């Protein structure tokens, strides 16, 4: 017998979110750090993100899940100070290297899992930015509550859109694997709503597809979970990419027009 919910606001969206993430294996971000640092790809995500952020030159910003600094360093050029927090020591090493290379001396780093962020430790900042970092956080309500306390002006979060990872899902079908998607962004919106946070939703208008110098680069770019594939599956992945990628005769780059990101911006003003 189906349970009848009289009030839609009584739906436990946090539990639905946690159930979708249960059993997912996280990445080894220390191992992934060198690839993220050296990777250059045709991707208009950064420009779309900065078009949406509301920043002032006197702001302090908390960059949550900052990684190797691809967002942190550009942020530092627009505001007074950036605090980058990440669970990977290797990612923070590369962030600090990137900061030196770009003469960014207004960046502070904190080594800590996102799940352990607290207002008591961070204190007040003007703006919180969570760029592609909250998709796999299970205690999501607690984390969002702390981030909302920390921000004095705005919170900006990007999470997966409904058409993310197209070619990856197609490959999983060839392997006979059912792709376990991350929770949909409507879960996220409703969790916030039930917390009394009435967020804005905007989908990124991204046009650029990814480009690669080689099949090996296409395999080892972070989209495919090579750490979970056996040798036979890795060989099948190589054959799959050889089949679906096209070479641009002018640039020599490999690409597939379906291979582009889909991201949703969720943001609110304090």
Protein backbone atom coordinates (compact mmCIF):
# COMPACT_ATOMS: atom_id res chain seq x y z
CA UNK A 1 0.00 0.00 0.00
CA UNK A 2 1.42 3.35 -1.01
CA UNK A 3 2.00 5.88 1.71
CA UNK A 4 0.06 9.10 1.18
CA UNK A 5 1.92 12.33 1.90
CA UNK A 6 -0.53 15.12 2.58
CA UNK A 7 2.02 17.94 2.49
CA UNK A 8 4.79 17.83 -0.18
CA UNK A 9 7.00 19.78 2.21
CA UNK A 10 7.03 16.72 4.48
CA UNK A 11 9.02 14.71 1.90
CA UNK A 12 12.43 13.78 3.31
CA UNK A 13 14.50 15.00 0.36
CA UNK A 14 17.70 14.66 2.36
CA UNK A 15 17.07 10.94 2.74
CA UNK A 16 16.40 10.56 -1.00
CA UNK A 17 19.67 12.39 -1.66
CA UNK A 18 21.59 10.08 0.70
CA UNK A 19 20.03 6.95 -0.79
CA UNK A 20 21.17 7.92 -4.31
CA UNK A 21 24.73 8.36 -3.04
CA UNK A 22 24.89 5.25 -0.88
CA UNK A 23 27.60 2.86 -2.04
CA UNK A 24 29.31 5.32 -4.38
CA UNK A 25 33.08 5.13 -4.16
CA UNK A 26 34.86 8.45 -3.93
CA UNK A 27 37.85 9.38 -6.06
CA UNK A 28 41.43 9.34 -4.90
CA UNK A 29 41.87 13.10 -5.28
CA UNK A 30 45.56 13.05 -4.40
CA UNK A 31 46.12 10.69 -7.32
CA UNK A 32 43.92 12.79 -9.61
CA UNK A 33 45.60 16.09 -8.72
CA UNK A 34 48.45 16.09 -11.31
CA UNK A 35 46.02 15.48 -14.17
CA UNK A 36 43.70 18.26 -13.03
CA UNK A 37 46.62 20.67 -12.73
CA UNK A 38 48.09 20.07 -16.18
CA UNK A 39 44.83 19.58 -18.03
CA UNK A 40 43.85 22.21 -20.56
CA UNK A 41 40.55 21.66 -22.27
CA UNK A 42 38.07 23.51 -24.38
CA UNK A 43 35.49 24.31 -21.73
CA UNK A 44 33.52 27.52 -21.18
CA UNK A 45 32.52 26.58 -17.62
CA UNK A 46 34.80 29.13 -15.95
CA UNK A 47 33.56 32.08 -17.97
CA UNK A 48 29.92 31.03 -17.39
CA UNK A 49 30.56 30.70 -13.66
CA UNK A 50 32.19 34.11 -13.31
CA UNK A 51 29.39 35.72 -15.34
CA UNK A 52 26.97 34.61 -12.59
CA UNK A 53 29.01 35.36 -9.48
CA UNK A 54 28.30 38.62 -7.66
CA UNK A 55 31.60 39.85 -6.28
CA UNK A 56 33.10 43.04 -4.91
CA UNK A 57 36.81 43.87 -4.80
CA UNK A 58 36.62 44.12 -0.99
CA UNK A 59 34.97 40.70 -0.53
CA UNK A 60 36.38 37.69 1.26
CA UNK A 61 35.42 34.40 -0.44
CA UNK A 62 35.39 30.79 0.77
CA UNK A 63 36.09 28.41 -2.14
CA UNK A 64 34.73 25.03 -1.02
CA UNK A 65 36.36 22.00 -2.62
CA UNK A 66 38.88 24.28 -4.30
CA UNK A 67 40.99 21.50 -5.79
CA UNK A 68 44.08 22.61 -7.66
CA UNK A 69 42.90 26.23 -7.88
CA UNK A 70 41.37 26.56 -11.35
CA UNK A 71 38.62 28.69 -9.76
CA UNK A 72 40.48 29.91 -6.66
CA UNK A 73 43.23 31.78 -8.49
CA UNK A 74 40.89 33.69 -10.87
CA UNK A 75 38.71 34.52 -7.84
CA UNK A 76 41.74 35.98 -6.07
CA UNK A 77 42.12 38.53 -8.87
CA UNK A 78 38.61 39.87 -8.25
CA UNK A 79 38.35 40.01 -4.45
CA UNK A 80 40.32 40.96 -1.33
CA UNK A 81 40.96 37.42 -0.06
CA UNK A 82 40.11 33.80 -0.89
CA UNK A 83 40.12 30.87 1.51
CA UNK A 84 40.42 27.58 -0.35
CA UNK A 85 39.36 24.44 1.49
CA UNK A 86 39.90 20.89 0.22
CA UNK A 87 40.36 17.35 1.56
CA UNK A 88 43.34 16.59 -0.72
CA UNK A 89 46.81 17.71 0.37
CA UNK A 90 48.11 17.13 -3.14
CA UNK A 91 45.41 19.35 -4.65
CA UNK A 92 46.35 22.13 -2.26
CA UNK A 93 50.02 21.74 -3.21
CA UNK A 94 49.10 22.36 -6.83
CA UNK A 95 46.86 25.27 -5.85
CA UNK A 96 49.76 26.91 -4.04
CA UNK A 97 51.99 26.30 -7.07
CA UNK A 98 49.38 27.86 -9.35
CA UNK A 99 49.07 30.83 -6.99
CA UNK A 100 52.83 31.47 -7.13
CA UNK A 101 52.81 31.21 -10.92
CA UNK A 102 50.05 33.84 -11.07
CA UNK A 103 51.37 36.18 -8.33
CA UNK A 104 48.26 35.52 -6.23
CA UNK A 105 49.31 36.31 -2.65
CA UNK A 106 45.84 36.71 -1.15
CA UNK A 107 44.95 33.00 -0.94
CA UNK A 108 44.78 30.98 2.29
CA UNK A 109 44.34 27.19 2.22
CA UNK A 110 42.77 24.79 4.71
CA UNK A 111 43.16 20.99 4.52
CA UNK A 112 39.79 19.59 5.62
CA UNK A 113 36.93 17.47 4.25
CA UNK A 114 33.88 19.45 3.17
CA UNK A 115 31.78 17.44 5.61
CA UNK A 116 33.77 18.93 8.51
CA UNK A 117 33.42 22.61 7.62
CA UNK A 118 32.00 24.63 10.52
CA UNK A 119 31.17 28.26 11.10
CA UNK A 120 33.10 28.11 14.38
CA UNK A 121 36.33 27.41 12.48
CA UNK A 122 35.85 29.54 9.36
CA UNK A 123 33.94 32.50 10.76
CA UNK A 124 32.29 35.10 8.56
CA UNK A 125 33.08 35.60 4.87
CA UNK A 126 31.18 37.64 2.31
CA UNK A 127 30.66 34.99 -0.38
CA UNK A 128 30.75 31.18 -0.41
CA UNK A 129 31.49 29.46 -3.73
CA UNK A 130 31.07 25.68 -4.11
CA UNK A 131 32.11 24.95 -7.66
CA UNK A 132 31.36 21.32 -8.63
CA UNK A 133 32.11 20.14 -5.11
CA UNK A 134 28.86 19.11 -3.37
CA UNK A 135 27.53 16.41 -5.71
CA UNK A 136 28.66 13.51 -3.51
CA UNK A 137 28.29 14.99 -0.01
CA UNK A 138 25.92 12.82 2.04
CA UNK A 139 25.34 14.97 5.16
CA UNK A 140 24.16 17.65 2.74
CA UNK A 141 21.73 19.45 5.02
CA UNK A 142 24.34 19.91 7.75
CA UNK A 143 26.94 21.18 5.27
CA UNK A 144 24.49 23.60 3.65
CA UNK A 145 23.51 24.90 7.08
CA UNK A 146 27.12 25.69 7.96
CA UNK A 147 27.82 27.34 4.59
CA UNK A 148 24.72 29.49 4.97
CA UNK A 149 25.96 30.64 8.40
CA UNK A 150 29.42 31.44 7.03
CA UNK A 151 28.24 33.62 4.13
CA UNK A 152 27.27 37.23 4.83
CA UNK A 153 26.18 38.11 1.28
CA UNK A 154 25.79 35.20 -1.15
CA UNK A 155 26.16 31.45 -1.57
CA UNK A 156 26.85 30.09 -5.08
CA UNK A 157 26.79 26.34 -5.75
CA UNK A 158 27.11 24.40 -9.00
CA UNK A 159 25.86 20.82 -9.25
CA UNK A 160 25.30 18.32 -12.07
CA UNK A 161 22.62 19.10 -14.64
CA UNK A 162 20.29 16.45 -16.13
CA UNK A 163 22.40 15.85 -19.25
CA UNK A 164 25.81 15.50 -17.66
CA UNK A 165 28.09 12.57 -18.60
CA UNK A 166 26.42 11.54 -21.87
CA UNK A 167 29.28 9.57 -23.42
CA UNK A 168 30.14 7.97 -20.08
CA UNK A 169 26.59 6.66 -19.72
CA UNK A 170 26.67 5.31 -23.28
CA UNK A 171 29.86 3.41 -22.47
CA UNK A 172 28.35 1.96 -19.30
CA UNK A 173 25.48 0.64 -21.44
CA UNK A 174 27.97 -1.13 -23.69
CA UNK A 175 29.50 -2.77 -20.61
CA UNK A 176 26.04 -3.73 -19.39
CA UNK A 177 26.39 -1.52 -16.35
CA UNK A 178 23.44 0.50 -15.08
CA UNK A 179 24.71 4.01 -14.48
CA UNK A 180 23.93 5.13 -10.95
CA UNK A 181 23.34 8.84 -11.44
CA UNK A 182 24.02 11.41 -8.78
CA UNK A 183 20.92 12.92 -7.13
CA UNK A 184 19.02 15.30 -9.39
CA UNK A 185 19.23 19.01 -8.72
CA UNK A 186 15.54 19.12 -7.77
CA UNK A 187 16.46 17.14 -4.63
CA UNK A 188 18.99 19.85 -3.81
CA UNK A 189 16.49 22.65 -4.37
CA UNK A 190 13.89 20.98 -2.17
CA UNK A 191 16.37 20.31 0.63
CA UNK A 192 17.13 24.02 0.67
CA UNK A 193 13.42 24.89 0.52
CA UNK A 194 12.70 22.74 3.55
CA UNK A 195 15.55 24.53 5.35
CA UNK A 196 13.85 27.86 4.69
CA UNK A 197 16.38 28.84 1.99
CA UNK A 198 14.62 29.95 -1.19
CA UNK A 199 17.29 29.59 -3.86
CA UNK A 200 17.56 30.71 -7.45
CA UNK A 201 18.18 28.10 -10.15
CA UNK A 202 19.94 28.76 -13.45
CA UNK A 203 21.30 26.30 -15.98
CA UNK A 204 24.66 27.08 -17.57
CA UNK A 205 24.54 27.73 -21.30
CA UNK A 206 27.69 25.80 -22.26
CA UNK A 207 28.46 25.29 -25.93
CA UNK A 208 32.03 24.06 -26.05
CA UNK A 209 32.75 20.36 -26.18
CA UNK A 210 35.90 18.85 -24.69
CA UNK A 211 39.01 18.29 -26.79
CA UNK A 212 41.91 15.87 -26.36
CA UNK A 213 45.39 15.42 -27.80
CA UNK A 214 45.15 11.64 -27.68
CA UNK A 215 42.93 8.67 -26.81
CA UNK A 216 44.98 8.22 -23.62
CA UNK A 217 44.18 11.79 -22.56
CA UNK A 218 40.48 11.21 -23.28
CA UNK A 219 40.57 8.11 -21.05
CA UNK A 220 42.49 9.73 -18.21
CA UNK A 221 40.69 13.05 -17.80
CA UNK A 222 38.60 12.40 -14.72
CA UNK A 223 35.27 11.58 -16.41
CA UNK A 224 35.84 7.83 -16.57
CA UNK A 225 36.48 5.89 -13.36
CA UNK A 226 39.60 4.05 -14.52
CA UNK A 227 40.30 3.00 -10.94
CA UNK A 228 37.12 0.90 -11.02
CA UNK A 229 37.71 -0.73 -14.44
CA UNK A 230 39.64 -3.98 -14.94
CA UNK A 231 42.16 -4.36 -17.79
CA UNK A 232 39.56 -5.75 -20.19
CA UNK A 233 37.17 -2.87 -19.51
CA UNK A 234 39.97 -0.34 -20.01
CA UNK A 235 40.72 -1.87 -23.40
CA UNK A 236 37.01 -1.71 -24.29
CA UNK A 237 36.99 1.95 -23.24
CA UNK A 238 39.93 2.65 -25.55
CA UNK A 239 38.12 0.98 -28.45
CA UNK A 240 34.94 2.90 -27.62
CA UNK A 241 36.72 6.26 -27.66
CA UNK A 242 38.53 5.40 -30.89
CA UNK A 243 35.11 4.77 -32.40
CA UNK A 244 33.23 7.84 -31.16
CA UNK A 245 35.89 10.57 -31.23
CA UNK A 246 36.51 12.62 -34.36
CA UNK A 247 39.76 14.32 -35.28
CA UNK A 248 39.62 18.01 -36.13
CA UNK A 249 41.75 18.31 -39.26
CA UNK A 250 42.71 21.92 -38.44
CA UNK A 251 43.77 21.48 -34.82
CA UNK A 252 44.52 17.77 -34.68
CA UNK A 253 42.36 17.51 -31.53
CA UNK A 254 39.95 14.65 -30.85
CA UNK A 255 36.35 15.49 -29.90
CA UNK A 256 32.73 14.39 -29.74
CA UNK A 257 29.98 17.01 -29.83
CA UNK A 258 28.04 15.14 -27.09
CA UNK A 259 31.03 15.36 -24.76
CA UNK A 260 30.30 18.56 -22.89
CA UNK A 261 29.39 19.47 -19.36
CA UNK A 262 25.93 20.24 -18.01
CA UNK A 263 25.85 22.28 -14.81
CA UNK A 264 23.20 24.00 -12.69
CA UNK A 265 23.85 27.12 -10.62
CA UNK A 266 21.98 27.20 -7.30
CA UNK A 267 22.42 30.48 -5.45
CA UNK A 268 20.82 32.67 -2.82
CA UNK A 269 21.27 36.07 -1.26
CA UNK A 270 21.53 36.29 2.53
